[in-house]
């Protein structure tokens, strides 16, 4: 049975940082504003933390790459104490000590030879001096070779900090786009009180409500008959003038009104 993909405890702060970023994206933030108590945001956070393994599994390729680089860097850090043991110190200190000792012995040996000192001492000092000079040269070459080998090994095997940081950013981006945002939007879809309300239907602008609750069009409002309006106008202009002195239009209007009456 395959082991389920899990988030490491030391990577949980990164997960919470991505969760905080997702909760502050414009669409989710605008939706959460409809709940001023903040309880919906708290529920989303708790559910996302509870489903951390499921969310991380959506970006497992980037997460595995990050873990591989992290493990390589950690392994190199554990091997560094071995590189700093006594052997490198001896390799570095041997050439100068041997060279200085060789110089002292050669100077003493040749000085005694110039002074015509009898015995094997001058020759022994010269021989020892040249031997130390050879040891200094060989140890110097060995130290240089060891330093170059260590530098090449570290350069090829140890991931650069920039590569590790880039792998972390790639994982964060994949976790946000493929895991965190889809899950949060799915959680919001399960909150019925956060669903967008249906817009209310308003009557058309050219309709007005009448006293009985109806809404007849303004262009269809009832108008007074022209005859009554004309008669009222003539009477308003000449309330006491005899009909014979009224204008022809007023006389014809009065006749029509009398016939209709």
Protein backbone atom coordinates (compact mmCIF):
# COMPACT_ATOMS: atom_id res chain seq x y z
CA UNK A 1 0.00 0.00 0.00
CA UNK A 2 1.43 3.37 -0.98
CA UNK A 3 2.28 5.80 1.78
CA UNK A 4 0.04 8.90 1.62
CA UNK A 5 1.74 12.13 0.73
CA UNK A 6 2.21 14.23 3.86
CA UNK A 7 3.39 17.70 4.72
CA UNK A 8 6.49 17.80 6.89
CA UNK A 9 5.96 19.57 10.25
CA UNK A 10 8.90 21.90 9.56
CA UNK A 11 7.21 23.04 6.32
CA UNK A 12 3.90 23.92 7.97
CA UNK A 13 4.88 27.63 8.39
CA UNK A 14 5.32 27.80 4.59
CA UNK A 15 1.86 26.23 4.17
CA UNK A 16 0.30 28.76 6.54
CA UNK A 17 1.99 31.63 4.69
CA UNK A 18 0.48 30.45 1.39
CA UNK A 19 -2.91 30.07 3.10
CA UNK A 20 -2.72 33.65 4.35
CA UNK A 21 -1.87 34.83 0.84
CA UNK A 22 -4.81 32.89 -0.63
CA UNK A 23 -7.27 34.34 1.88
CA UNK A 24 -6.18 37.82 0.82
CA UNK A 25 -6.73 37.34 -2.90
CA UNK A 26 -9.34 39.83 -4.21
CA UNK A 27 -12.18 37.41 -5.00
CA UNK A 28 -11.98 35.50 -1.73
CA UNK A 29 -11.52 38.66 0.33
CA UNK A 30 -14.54 40.32 -1.30
CA UNK A 31 -16.67 37.23 -0.64
CA UNK A 32 -15.62 37.07 3.01
CA UNK A 33 -16.62 40.71 3.53
CA UNK A 34 -20.27 39.62 3.51
CA UNK A 35 -19.59 38.00 6.91
CA UNK A 36 -18.43 40.86 9.16
CA UNK A 37 -18.06 38.52 12.15
CA UNK A 38 -15.04 36.79 10.56
CA UNK A 39 -16.33 33.33 11.48
CA UNK A 40 -16.37 32.19 7.88
CA UNK A 41 -12.70 33.13 7.41
CA UNK A 42 -11.83 31.25 10.61
CA UNK A 43 -13.70 28.16 9.38
CA UNK A 44 -11.90 28.30 6.05
CA UNK A 45 -8.53 28.48 7.81
CA UNK A 46 -9.33 25.54 10.07
CA UNK A 47 -10.58 23.40 7.18
CA UNK A 48 -7.53 24.21 5.05
CA UNK A 49 -5.16 23.32 7.88
CA UNK A 50 -7.06 20.09 8.44
CA UNK A 51 -6.80 19.18 4.73
CA UNK A 52 -3.15 20.19 4.49
CA UNK A 53 -1.96 16.82 3.17
CA UNK A 54 -4.65 16.76 0.48
CA UNK A 55 -3.85 20.31 -0.61
CA UNK A 56 -0.08 19.71 -0.68
CA UNK A 57 -0.60 16.61 -2.82
CA UNK A 58 -1.78 18.84 -5.68
CA UNK A 59 1.74 20.30 -5.89
CA UNK A 60 3.73 17.22 -4.94
CA UNK A 61 6.14 17.39 -7.92
CA UNK A 62 7.37 20.85 -6.91
CA UNK A 63 7.38 19.82 -3.27
CA UNK A 64 9.50 16.73 -3.99
CA UNK A 65 12.01 18.84 -5.93
CA UNK A 66 12.27 21.23 -3.01
CA UNK A 67 12.73 18.37 -0.54
CA UNK A 68 15.47 16.80 -2.70
CA UNK A 69 17.48 20.02 -2.81
CA UNK A 70 16.89 20.59 0.89
CA UNK A 71 18.12 17.10 1.76
CA UNK A 72 21.23 17.57 -0.40
CA UNK A 73 22.06 20.85 1.31
CA UNK A 74 21.49 19.31 4.73
CA UNK A 75 23.74 16.34 3.90
CA UNK A 76 26.55 18.64 2.83
CA UNK A 77 26.17 20.60 6.05
CA UNK A 78 26.53 17.36 8.05
CA UNK A 79 29.68 16.39 6.14
CA UNK A 80 31.41 19.69 6.79
CA UNK A 81 32.65 18.77 10.33
CA UNK A 82 34.50 15.79 8.80
CA UNK A 83 36.14 18.12 6.32
CA UNK A 84 37.23 20.32 9.22
CA UNK A 85 39.05 17.53 11.12
CA UNK A 86 42.77 17.34 11.97
CA UNK A 87 43.94 16.08 8.57
CA UNK A 88 43.31 19.32 6.64
CA UNK A 89 45.02 21.28 9.39
CA UNK A 90 48.10 19.03 9.17
CA UNK A 91 48.11 19.31 5.39
CA UNK A 92 48.09 23.09 5.63
CA UNK A 93 50.65 23.43 8.46
CA UNK A 94 53.20 20.84 7.29
CA UNK A 95 54.65 22.77 4.31
CA UNK A 96 55.58 25.98 6.18
CA UNK A 97 56.92 24.11 9.24
CA UNK A 98 59.00 21.75 7.11
CA UNK A 99 60.28 24.61 4.95
CA UNK A 100 61.34 26.72 7.91
CA UNK A 101 63.01 23.76 9.63
CA UNK A 102 64.79 22.90 6.41
CA UNK A 103 66.09 26.43 6.08
CA UNK A 104 67.43 26.45 9.65
CA UNK A 105 69.16 23.09 9.29
CA UNK A 106 70.73 24.00 5.96
CA UNK A 107 72.04 27.27 7.31
CA UNK A 108 73.58 25.57 10.36
CA UNK A 109 75.03 22.68 8.37
CA UNK A 110 76.69 24.88 5.75
CA UNK A 111 77.92 27.26 8.45
CA UNK A 112 79.62 24.42 10.27
CA UNK A 113 81.16 23.20 7.04
CA UNK A 114 82.53 26.67 6.35
CA UNK A 115 83.92 26.76 9.86
CA UNK A 116 85.83 23.50 9.19
CA UNK A 117 84.10 21.75 12.07
CA UNK A 118 85.24 18.15 12.19
CA UNK A 119 82.84 15.25 12.56
CA UNK A 120 79.61 14.08 10.94
CA UNK A 121 77.43 16.89 12.39
CA UNK A 122 77.67 19.41 9.50
CA UNK A 123 76.92 16.77 6.90
CA UNK A 124 74.02 15.40 8.96
CA UNK A 125 72.50 18.88 9.30
CA UNK A 126 72.73 19.48 5.57
CA UNK A 127 71.18 16.10 4.80
CA UNK A 128 68.34 16.68 7.25
CA UNK A 129 67.77 20.13 5.80
CA UNK A 130 67.39 18.84 2.26
CA UNK A 131 65.13 16.04 3.47
CA UNK A 132 62.82 18.54 5.17
CA UNK A 133 62.85 20.68 2.05
CA UNK A 134 61.63 17.69 0.05
CA UNK A 135 58.95 16.98 2.65
CA UNK A 136 57.81 20.61 2.49
CA UNK A 137 57.52 20.49 -1.31
CA UNK A 138 55.59 17.20 -1.35
CA UNK A 139 53.23 18.27 1.45
CA UNK A 140 52.60 21.58 -0.32
CA UNK A 141 51.55 19.77 -3.51
CA UNK A 142 49.35 17.40 -1.51
CA UNK A 143 47.67 20.28 0.32
CA UNK A 144 46.93 22.11 -2.94
CA UNK A 145 45.49 18.94 -4.50
CA UNK A 146 43.29 18.30 -1.45
CA UNK A 147 41.96 21.87 -1.45
CA UNK A 148 41.16 21.73 -5.16
CA UNK A 149 39.37 18.38 -4.80
CA UNK A 150 37.27 19.68 -1.92
CA UNK A 151 36.35 22.83 -3.82
CA UNK A 152 35.30 20.86 -6.92
CA UNK A 153 33.22 18.42 -4.87
CA UNK A 154 31.39 21.19 -3.03
CA UNK A 155 30.79 23.12 -6.23
CA UNK A 156 29.30 20.16 -8.05
CA UNK A 157 27.32 18.46 -5.29
CA UNK A 158 26.07 21.19 -3.03
CA UNK A 159 23.01 23.14 -4.24
CA UNK A 160 23.42 26.87 -4.38
CA UNK A 161 21.22 28.75 -1.88
CA UNK A 162 19.57 30.53 -4.81
CA UNK A 163 18.52 27.18 -6.32
CA UNK A 164 17.01 26.07 -3.03
CA UNK A 165 15.12 29.34 -2.64
CA UNK A 166 13.85 29.14 -6.23
CA UNK A 167 12.59 25.61 -5.59
CA UNK A 168 10.78 26.88 -2.51
CA UNK A 169 9.13 29.69 -4.50
CA UNK A 170 8.08 27.26 -7.25
CA UNK A 171 6.42 25.05 -4.66
CA UNK A 172 4.63 28.03 -3.09
CA UNK A 173 3.30 29.14 -6.49
CA UNK A 174 2.05 25.67 -7.42
CA UNK A 175 0.52 25.21 -3.97
CA UNK A 176 -1.33 28.51 -4.29
CA UNK A 177 -2.68 28.10 -7.83
CA UNK A 178 -3.38 24.36 -7.99
CA UNK A 179 -4.18 23.56 -4.38
CA UNK A 180 -5.07 26.40 -2.05
CA UNK A 181 -7.29 28.62 -4.21
CA UNK A 182 -9.43 25.78 -5.67
CA UNK A 183 -10.01 24.31 -2.21
CA UNK A 184 -10.92 27.66 -0.65
CA UNK A 185 -13.33 28.43 -3.48
CA UNK A 186 -14.89 25.02 -3.00
CA UNK A 187 -15.30 25.71 0.72
CA UNK A 188 -16.96 29.04 -0.07
CA UNK A 189 -19.40 27.26 -2.38
CA UNK A 190 -20.54 25.21 0.61
CA UNK A 191 -21.42 28.34 2.59
CA UNK A 192 -25.05 29.13 1.62
CA UNK A 193 -25.14 32.57 3.23
CA UNK A 194 -22.17 33.64 1.10
CA UNK A 195 -23.85 32.83 -2.21
CA UNK A 196 -24.43 35.94 -4.34
CA UNK A 197 -28.01 37.16 -3.94
CA UNK A 198 -30.36 37.31 -6.95
CA UNK A 199 -30.68 40.95 -8.04
CA UNK A 200 -34.11 42.44 -7.31
CA UNK A 201 -36.30 43.25 -10.30
CA UNK A 202 -37.32 46.90 -10.53
CA UNK A 203 -40.23 48.23 -12.62
CA UNK A 204 -39.27 49.95 -15.87
CA UNK A 205 -38.39 53.59 -15.64
CA UNK A 206 -41.36 54.64 -17.78
CA UNK A 207 -43.86 53.05 -15.40
CA UNK A 208 -45.38 54.82 -12.36
CA UNK A 209 -47.57 53.28 -9.70
CA UNK A 210 -51.10 54.59 -9.48
CA UNK A 211 -53.27 54.82 -6.40
CA UNK A 212 -54.70 51.30 -6.93
CA UNK A 213 -51.30 49.64 -7.13
CA UNK A 214 -51.26 49.51 -10.94
CA UNK A 215 -48.44 50.82 -13.06
CA UNK A 216 -49.78 52.33 -16.29
CA UNK A 217 -47.25 53.83 -18.69
CA UNK A 218 -46.70 57.53 -18.40
CA UNK A 219 -47.38 57.94 -22.11
CA UNK A 220 -50.82 56.43 -21.61
CA UNK A 221 -52.10 58.75 -18.86
CA UNK A 222 -55.72 59.86 -19.46
CA UNK A 223 -56.15 63.36 -20.86
CA UNK A 224 -59.15 65.73 -20.70
CA UNK A 225 -61.21 66.08 -23.82
CA UNK A 226 -60.20 69.00 -26.03
CA UNK A 227 -63.68 70.41 -26.09
CA UNK A 228 -63.87 70.78 -22.34
CA UNK A 229 -60.40 72.22 -22.20
CA UNK A 230 -61.25 74.76 -24.91
CA UNK A 231 -64.54 75.68 -23.27
CA UNK A 232 -62.87 76.15 -19.94
CA UNK A 233 -60.26 78.37 -21.58
CA UNK A 234 -62.89 80.58 -23.25
CA UNK A 235 -64.85 80.90 -20.04
CA UNK A 236 -61.68 81.68 -18.16
CA UNK A 237 -60.81 84.46 -20.58
CA UNK A 238 -64.30 85.99 -20.87
CA UNK A 239 -66.47 84.91 -17.97
CA UNK A 240 -69.19 87.62 -18.44
CA UNK A 241 -68.96 88.45 -22.18
CA UNK A 242 -72.05 87.51 -24.22
CA UNK A 243 -71.67 84.62 -26.62
CA UNK A 244 -72.17 86.85 -29.67
CA UNK A 245 -69.05 88.80 -28.72
CA UNK A 246 -66.88 85.74 -28.22
CA UNK A 247 -64.37 84.72 -30.91
CA UNK A 248 -65.59 82.22 -33.54
CA UNK A 249 -63.55 79.42 -32.01
CA UNK A 250 -65.17 79.96 -28.63
CA UNK A 251 -68.68 80.14 -30.17
CA UNK A 252 -68.15 76.84 -32.05
CA UNK A 253 -66.83 75.22 -28.94
CA UNK A 254 -69.80 76.39 -26.88
CA UNK A 255 -72.18 75.00 -29.51
CA UNK A 256 -70.49 71.59 -29.40
CA UNK A 257 -70.62 71.57 -25.62
CA UNK A 258 -74.36 72.47 -25.62
CA UNK A 259 -75.15 69.71 -28.15
CA UNK A 260 -73.27 67.14 -26.14
CA UNK A 261 -75.10 68.24 -22.98
